[in-house]
Protein backbone atom coordinates (compact mmCIF):
# COMPACT_ATOMS: atom_id res chain seq x y z
CA UNK A 1 127.22 95.53 64.27
CA UNK A 2 124.86 92.58 63.99
CA UNK A 3 121.76 91.63 65.94
CA UNK A 4 120.05 95.04 65.87
CA UNK A 5 116.41 94.59 66.78
CA UNK A 6 113.44 96.90 67.39
CA UNK A 7 115.60 99.94 67.42
CA UNK A 8 115.27 103.58 66.42
CA UNK A 9 117.73 106.05 64.94
CA UNK A 10 118.35 107.89 68.26
CA UNK A 11 119.29 104.62 69.97
CA UNK A 12 121.50 103.60 67.07
CA UNK A 13 123.23 106.97 67.18
CA UNK A 14 123.87 106.58 70.93
CA UNK A 15 125.37 103.12 70.47
CA UNK A 16 127.60 104.27 67.61
CA UNK A 17 128.84 107.21 69.64
CA UNK A 18 129.69 104.97 72.60
CA UNK A 19 131.51 102.51 70.35
CA UNK A 20 133.46 105.19 68.52
CA UNK A 21 134.53 106.76 71.80
CA UNK A 22 136.02 103.48 72.99
CA UNK A 23 133.71 103.19 75.98
CA UNK A 24 134.01 99.66 77.33
CA UNK A 25 131.12 99.60 79.78
CA UNK A 26 128.24 101.93 80.50
CA UNK A 27 125.27 101.65 82.83
CA UNK A 28 122.67 104.17 81.61
CA UNK A 29 120.79 106.33 84.06
CA UNK A 30 117.09 106.82 83.39
CA UNK A 31 114.53 109.26 84.69
CA UNK A 32 111.26 107.76 86.02
CA UNK A 33 109.34 109.79 83.46
CA UNK A 34 110.56 107.43 80.75
CA UNK A 35 112.39 110.11 78.76
CA UNK A 36 115.55 109.75 76.73
CA UNK A 37 118.50 107.86 78.17
CA UNK A 38 120.94 110.04 80.05
CA UNK A 39 124.46 108.60 80.20
CA UNK A 40 126.28 109.85 83.27
CA UNK A 41 130.07 110.32 83.24
CA UNK A 42 130.20 108.74 86.70
CA UNK A 43 129.12 105.43 85.15
CA UNK A 44 131.80 105.24 82.46
CA UNK A 45 134.12 103.25 84.75
CA UNK A 46 131.44 100.71 85.68
CA UNK A 47 132.91 97.19 85.47
CA UNK A 48 130.53 94.26 85.03
CA UNK A 49 131.72 90.66 85.63
CA UNK A 50 134.76 89.66 83.62
CA UNK A 51 133.34 86.77 81.64
CA UNK A 52 130.05 85.68 80.18
CA UNK A 53 127.94 83.13 82.04
CA UNK A 54 128.01 79.51 80.95
CA UNK A 55 124.53 79.97 79.52
CA UNK A 56 125.85 82.63 77.14
CA UNK A 57 123.87 85.52 78.63
CA UNK A 58 125.97 88.59 77.95
CA UNK A 59 123.82 91.62 78.59
CA UNK A 60 121.53 92.49 81.44
CA UNK A 61 118.68 94.92 81.10
CA UNK A 62 119.96 98.37 80.09
CA UNK A 63 123.61 97.36 80.33
CA UNK A 64 126.80 96.87 78.40
CA UNK A 65 128.22 93.41 77.88
CA UNK A 66 130.39 91.29 80.11
CA UNK A 67 134.11 91.74 79.66
CA UNK A 68 136.07 91.66 76.42
CA UNK A 69 133.82 89.60 74.17
CA UNK A 70 130.72 91.55 75.06
CA UNK A 71 132.24 94.99 75.34
CA UNK A 72 130.72 96.29 72.12
CA UNK A 73 127.20 95.05 72.87
CA UNK A 74 124.69 97.51 74.20
CA UNK A 75 121.05 96.97 75.11
CA UNK A 76 118.45 99.65 75.61
CA UNK A 77 115.00 98.25 76.28
CA UNK A 78 114.29 95.68 73.59
CA UNK A 79 116.99 96.99 71.21
CA UNK A 80 120.35 95.21 71.27
CA UNK A 81 123.63 95.85 69.51
CA UNK A 82 125.70 92.67 69.65
CA UNK A 83 129.25 91.63 68.76
CA UNK A 84 129.75 90.02 65.35
CA UNK A 85 128.50 86.45 65.41
CA UNK A 86 126.41 86.89 68.55
CA UNK A 87 122.61 87.03 68.47
CA UNK A 88 120.13 89.23 70.33
CA UNK A 89 117.41 87.59 72.40
CA UNK A 90 114.95 88.07 75.24
CA UNK A 91 114.70 86.44 78.65
CA UNK A 92 111.22 84.91 78.51
CA UNK A 93 111.19 82.36 81.34
CA UNK A 94 108.04 82.46 83.45
CA UNK A 95 110.04 82.00 86.66
CA UNK A 96 113.62 82.30 87.84
CA UNK A 97 114.03 81.10 91.43
CA UNK A 98 117.34 82.48 92.56
CA UNK A 99 118.17 80.84 95.93
CA UNK A 100 121.37 78.86 95.34
CA UNK A 101 121.22 76.04 97.90
CA UNK A 102 117.99 75.69 99.88
CA UNK A 103 115.49 72.86 99.79
CA UNK A 104 111.98 73.59 98.55
CA UNK A 105 112.80 76.83 96.81
CA UNK A 106 109.76 76.04 94.66
CA UNK A 107 107.09 74.25 96.67
CA UNK A 108 103.42 73.36 96.54
CA UNK A 109 100.97 72.11 99.13
CA UNK A 110 97.39 70.88 99.31
CA UNK A 111 95.54 70.81 96.00
CA UNK A 112 97.17 73.94 94.66
CA UNK A 113 97.97 74.34 90.98
CA UNK A 114 100.68 76.45 89.38
CA UNK A 115 100.57 76.73 85.59
CA UNK A 116 103.04 78.78 83.57
CA UNK A 117 103.24 79.67 79.88
CA UNK A 118 107.02 79.36 79.68
CA UNK A 119 109.89 77.55 81.37
CA UNK A 120 110.70 77.57 85.09
CA UNK A 121 114.36 77.82 86.15
CA UNK A 122 115.50 76.85 89.65
CA UNK A 123 119.05 77.72 90.72
CA UNK A 124 119.24 75.73 93.96
CA UNK A 125 121.69 72.84 93.96
CA UNK A 126 119.66 70.96 96.59
CA UNK A 127 118.48 67.43 95.80
CA UNK A 128 115.02 68.65 96.84
CA UNK A 129 115.19 72.14 95.33
CA UNK A 130 111.59 71.64 94.17
CA UNK A 131 109.14 70.01 96.56
CA UNK A 132 105.58 69.30 95.43
CA UNK A 133 102.69 67.50 97.08
CA UNK A 134 101.10 64.51 95.40
CA UNK A 135 97.75 66.29 95.13
CA UNK A 136 99.09 69.48 93.59
CA UNK A 137 99.90 70.35 89.99
CA UNK A 138 103.02 72.33 89.04
CA UNK A 139 103.03 72.59 85.26
CA UNK A 140 105.38 74.27 82.76
CA UNK A 141 106.66 73.42 79.29
CA UNK A 142 110.14 72.88 80.76
CA UNK A 143 111.83 72.82 84.15
CA UNK A 144 115.56 73.63 84.21
CA UNK A 145 116.97 72.55 87.59
CA UNK A 146 120.50 72.83 88.94
CA UNK A 147 119.62 70.23 91.58
CA UNK A 148 116.75 67.75 91.74
CA UNK A 149 113.11 67.58 92.80
CA UNK A 150 110.86 65.63 95.15
CA UNK A 151 107.29 65.13 94.01
CA UNK A 152 105.63 65.32 90.61
CA UNK A 153 106.31 67.96 87.98
CA UNK A 154 104.20 68.26 84.85
CA UNK A 155 106.48 69.12 81.94
CA UNK A 156 109.93 68.20 80.61
CA UNK A 157 112.47 68.16 83.47
CA UNK A 158 116.14 68.96 82.77
CA UNK A 159 118.53 68.22 85.66
CA UNK A 160 122.11 69.30 86.29
CA UNK A 161 121.70 72.65 84.59
CA UNK A 162 123.92 75.70 85.12
CA UNK A 163 122.53 78.39 87.40
CA UNK A 164 121.06 81.29 85.50
CA UNK A 165 122.22 84.79 86.40
CA UNK A 166 119.72 87.49 87.30
CA UNK A 167 118.61 88.96 83.96
CA UNK A 168 117.70 92.27 85.59
CA UNK A 169 120.81 92.63 87.76
CA UNK A 170 121.97 95.80 86.00
CA UNK A 171 118.59 97.54 86.01
CA UNK A 172 119.13 100.72 88.08
CA UNK A 173 116.70 101.58 90.84
CA UNK A 174 114.23 104.34 89.98
CA UNK A 175 115.22 107.90 90.87
CA UNK A 176 112.76 109.56 93.25
CA UNK A 177 114.19 113.07 92.99
CA UNK A 178 111.66 114.18 90.39
CA UNK A 179 108.63 112.60 92.04
CA UNK A 180 105.96 114.34 94.13
CA UNK A 181 105.86 113.33 97.81
CA UNK A 182 102.30 112.13 98.40
CA UNK A 183 102.54 111.13 102.08
CA UNK A 184 104.99 111.35 104.98
CA UNK A 185 103.49 108.52 107.04
CA UNK A 186 101.44 105.38 106.45
CA UNK A 187 98.53 106.23 104.19
CA UNK A 188 95.41 104.34 105.26
CA UNK A 189 92.57 104.08 102.76
CA UNK A 190 89.06 102.99 103.78
CA UNK A 191 86.81 104.67 101.18
CA UNK A 192 86.81 105.07 97.37
CA UNK A 193 90.12 106.79 96.55
CA UNK A 194 92.25 107.51 93.52
CA UNK A 195 95.98 107.68 94.28
CA UNK A 196 98.56 109.45 92.15
CA UNK A 197 102.11 108.27 91.42
CA UNK A 198 104.86 109.63 93.62
CA UNK A 199 106.70 108.97 96.88
CA UNK A 200 104.79 107.31 99.71
CA UNK A 201 106.74 107.43 102.96
CA UNK A 202 105.44 104.77 105.35
CA UNK A 203 103.55 102.78 102.73
CA UNK A 204 99.93 102.33 101.70
CA UNK A 205 97.26 100.24 103.45
CA UNK A 206 93.79 99.63 102.02
CA UNK A 207 91.43 98.21 104.63
CA UNK A 208 88.76 95.62 103.97
CA UNK A 209 86.08 96.98 101.65
CA UNK A 210 88.16 99.90 100.34
CA UNK A 211 88.06 100.75 96.64
CA UNK A 212 91.43 102.05 95.40
CA UNK A 213 92.40 103.21 91.91
CA UNK A 214 96.09 103.74 91.12
CA UNK A 215 96.64 106.33 88.40
CA UNK A 216 99.34 105.34 85.85
CA UNK A 217 102.95 105.85 86.92
CA UNK A 218 105.63 104.95 89.46
CA UNK A 219 104.73 104.41 93.14
CA UNK A 220 107.96 104.83 95.08
CA UNK A 221 107.33 103.37 98.55
CA UNK A 222 109.77 104.11 101.38
CA UNK A 223 109.84 102.69 104.93
CA UNK A 224 106.70 100.68 104.34
CA UNK A 225 104.89 98.46 101.91
CA UNK A 226 101.54 97.95 100.25
CA UNK A 227 98.76 96.09 102.02
CA UNK A 228 95.45 95.30 100.33
CA UNK A 229 93.02 93.84 102.85
CA UNK A 230 90.48 91.11 102.30
CA UNK A 231 87.50 92.31 100.23
CA UNK A 232 89.32 95.49 99.23
CA UNK A 233 89.42 96.36 95.55
CA UNK A 234 92.46 97.81 93.80
CA UNK A 235 92.89 98.67 90.16
CA UNK A 236 95.92 100.14 88.43
CA UNK A 237 96.72 100.42 84.74
CA UNK A 238 100.35 100.98 83.67
CA UNK A 239 101.73 101.16 87.21
CA UNK A 240 105.00 100.09 88.84
CA UNK A 241 105.16 99.50 92.60
CA UNK A 242 108.74 100.00 93.79
CA UNK A 243 109.73 99.20 97.38
CA UNK A 244 112.93 101.13 97.96
CA UNK A 245 114.16 99.70 101.26
CA UNK A 246 116.39 96.69 101.82
CA UNK A 247 114.28 95.85 104.86
CA UNK A 248 111.21 93.71 105.53
CA UNK A 249 108.63 96.00 103.97
CA UNK A 250 106.51 93.96 101.60
CA UNK A 251 103.38 93.66 99.49
CA UNK A 252 100.34 91.73 100.71
CA UNK A 253 97.27 91.30 98.51
CA UNK A 254 94.62 89.18 100.21
CA UNK A 255 91.73 87.37 98.60
CA UNK A 256 88.05 88.09 98.67
CA UNK A 257 88.14 91.32 96.72
CA UNK A 258 89.33 92.28 93.27
CA UNK A 259 92.77 93.32 92.09
CA UNK A 260 93.71 94.23 88.54
CA UNK A 261 97.22 95.55 87.90
CA UNK A 262 99.13 96.04 84.66
CA UNK A 263 102.64 97.48 84.11
CA UNK A 264 103.79 100.38 81.93
CA UNK A 265 103.98 99.57 78.23
CA UNK A 266 106.96 101.85 77.62
CA UNK A 267 109.50 103.93 79.51
CA UNK A 268 112.08 103.00 82.12
CA UNK A 269 109.95 100.44 84.01
CA UNK A 270 108.31 98.91 80.97
CA UNK A 271 106.81 95.55 81.88
CA UNK A 272 107.59 95.80 85.63
CA UNK A 273 104.58 95.75 87.95
CA UNK A 274 106.38 94.97 91.23
CA UNK A 275 110.04 95.83 91.82
CA UNK A 276 111.87 95.41 95.17
CA UNK A 277 115.21 96.60 96.43
CA UNK A 278 117.47 93.61 95.76
CA UNK A 279 118.33 93.32 99.46
CA UNK A 280 114.70 93.02 100.56
CA UNK A 281 114.21 89.44 101.84
CA UNK A 282 110.57 89.76 102.88
CA UNK A 283 107.60 87.60 101.88
CA UNK A 284 105.21 88.76 99.18
CA UNK A 285 101.69 87.37 99.65
CA UNK A 286 99.26 87.17 96.75
CA UNK A 287 96.08 85.23 97.48
CA UNK A 288 92.74 85.40 95.75
CA UNK A 289 90.49 84.02 93.08
CA UNK A 290 89.18 84.90 89.65
CA UNK A 291 88.97 88.60 90.49
CA UNK A 292 92.73 88.82 91.06
CA UNK A 293 94.66 89.54 87.88
CA UNK A 294 98.22 90.85 88.03
CA UNK A 295 100.05 91.14 84.72
CA UNK A 296 103.67 92.13 84.21
CA UNK A 297 106.92 91.06 85.83
CA UNK A 298 107.35 90.64 89.58
CA UNK A 299 111.04 91.28 90.29
CA UNK A 300 111.79 90.59 93.97
CA UNK A 301 115.17 88.89 93.77
CA UNK A 302 115.77 88.22 97.49
CA UNK A 303 112.15 87.83 98.60
CA UNK A 304 109.81 84.85 98.85
CA UNK A 305 106.54 84.88 96.90
CA UNK A 306 103.57 83.04 98.44
CA UNK A 307 100.72 82.35 96.03
CA UNK A 308 97.39 80.88 97.07
CA UNK A 309 93.64 81.02 97.15
CA UNK A 310 90.64 79.01 96.13
CA UNK A 311 89.97 80.33 92.65
CA UNK A 312 91.79 80.87 89.38
CA UNK A 313 94.03 83.92 89.50
CA UNK A 314 96.68 85.50 87.30
CA UNK A 315 99.71 86.10 89.53
CA UNK A 316 102.05 87.81 87.11
CA UNK A 317 103.66 87.31 83.72
CA UNK A 318 107.16 86.62 85.05
CA UNK A 319 108.51 86.13 88.57
CA UNK A 320 112.14 86.53 89.65
CA UNK A 321 112.35 85.68 93.36
CA UNK A 322 114.46 83.83 95.90
CA UNK A 323 111.69 81.30 96.58
CA UNK A 324 108.11 80.64 95.47
CA UNK A 325 105.45 78.64 97.29
CA UNK A 326 101.94 77.77 96.15
CA UNK A 327 99.09 76.76 98.46
CA UNK A 328 95.32 76.60 98.74
CA UNK A 329 92.94 74.81 96.42
CA UNK A 330 92.97 77.16 93.44
CA UNK A 331 95.10 77.78 90.37
CA UNK A 332 97.81 80.41 90.06
CA UNK A 333 98.68 81.24 86.46
CA UNK A 334 101.86 82.95 85.27
CA UNK A 335 100.93 84.07 81.80
CA UNK A 336 102.41 86.28 79.14
CA UNK A 337 99.00 86.87 77.58
CA UNK A 338 99.04 90.18 75.75
CA UNK A 339 102.85 90.33 75.82
CA UNK A 340 102.88 92.37 79.05
CA UNK A 341 106.10 91.59 80.87
CA UNK A 342 109.63 92.89 81.22
CA UNK A 343 111.85 92.04 78.27
CA UNK A 344 115.44 92.11 79.44
CA UNK A 345 117.30 91.86 76.17
CA UNK A 346 120.72 90.40 75.77
CA UNK A 347 123.35 88.96 73.46
CA UNK A 348 123.95 85.22 73.31
CA UNK A 349 127.14 83.42 72.39
CA UNK A 350 127.22 81.70 68.96
């Protein structure tokens, strides 16, 4: 098979076994510890969509291909095994805004600036799918829009594009069964505290002035969210924040303090800093200045992301959301500096 990239012998062996057994579609099941892939028999009958998208995207993250043409392609992390003639590639857009029809799915107000390293893709068919104020700056190398825009955009604008499917749609939710339960109600933090990965029932709230360190790992938050108050400080290296409920629980990081978050560099949630249940339609708020630096992918497919503040902040390396708005007088940067972001690999049509 062609298009093998960044792979290892164990992964190659797994792909060859699946192919030789005639398995047409498999959705691997992973443990949150980032161990070896465990393929469950219950997933052997999994049926992805019947045909490839118009954009040629065949594989989601950790998934088999679409239908007949893609049935022998298999992606595990950044390693892809593609059908003959197809090529492996990575989804590297800075933003995918998934709402299909609303106006202003990407919007800016005031003197806000949004600057991204890579392209922005907007799926809304609205004639005002992007709405920007005359005093703001929304800048990317390319904008790929299904509909049209109102207000200035700084970069090459491509109209009438096909909607892009969710590149992480096949990524399974983390499994909490092996995690330690750290709290059974809202955990309020008001003094210097180091938290450990695990299950947090009721969420986590850091009040103004708190100093919170997140030890590396998965934070599985149930029936609640994460709230970082103004002038609170939070730091986490190689962490993933997963909100498990399809409710209105959300993440709010307010300005005035310092926040530094980076995602895992390997394992099941490699590159993912914030991950929501796909049914969660809440609003994520990230406001701050130069002391706010969040690297990694923010994957909140049905939620709205509000960015703002009066300084220069890093607000992720990739964002997949229903809508994104930018306000305030500062600059929000979406940057892949250091290569820290999710790399959903896939196979593209020739």
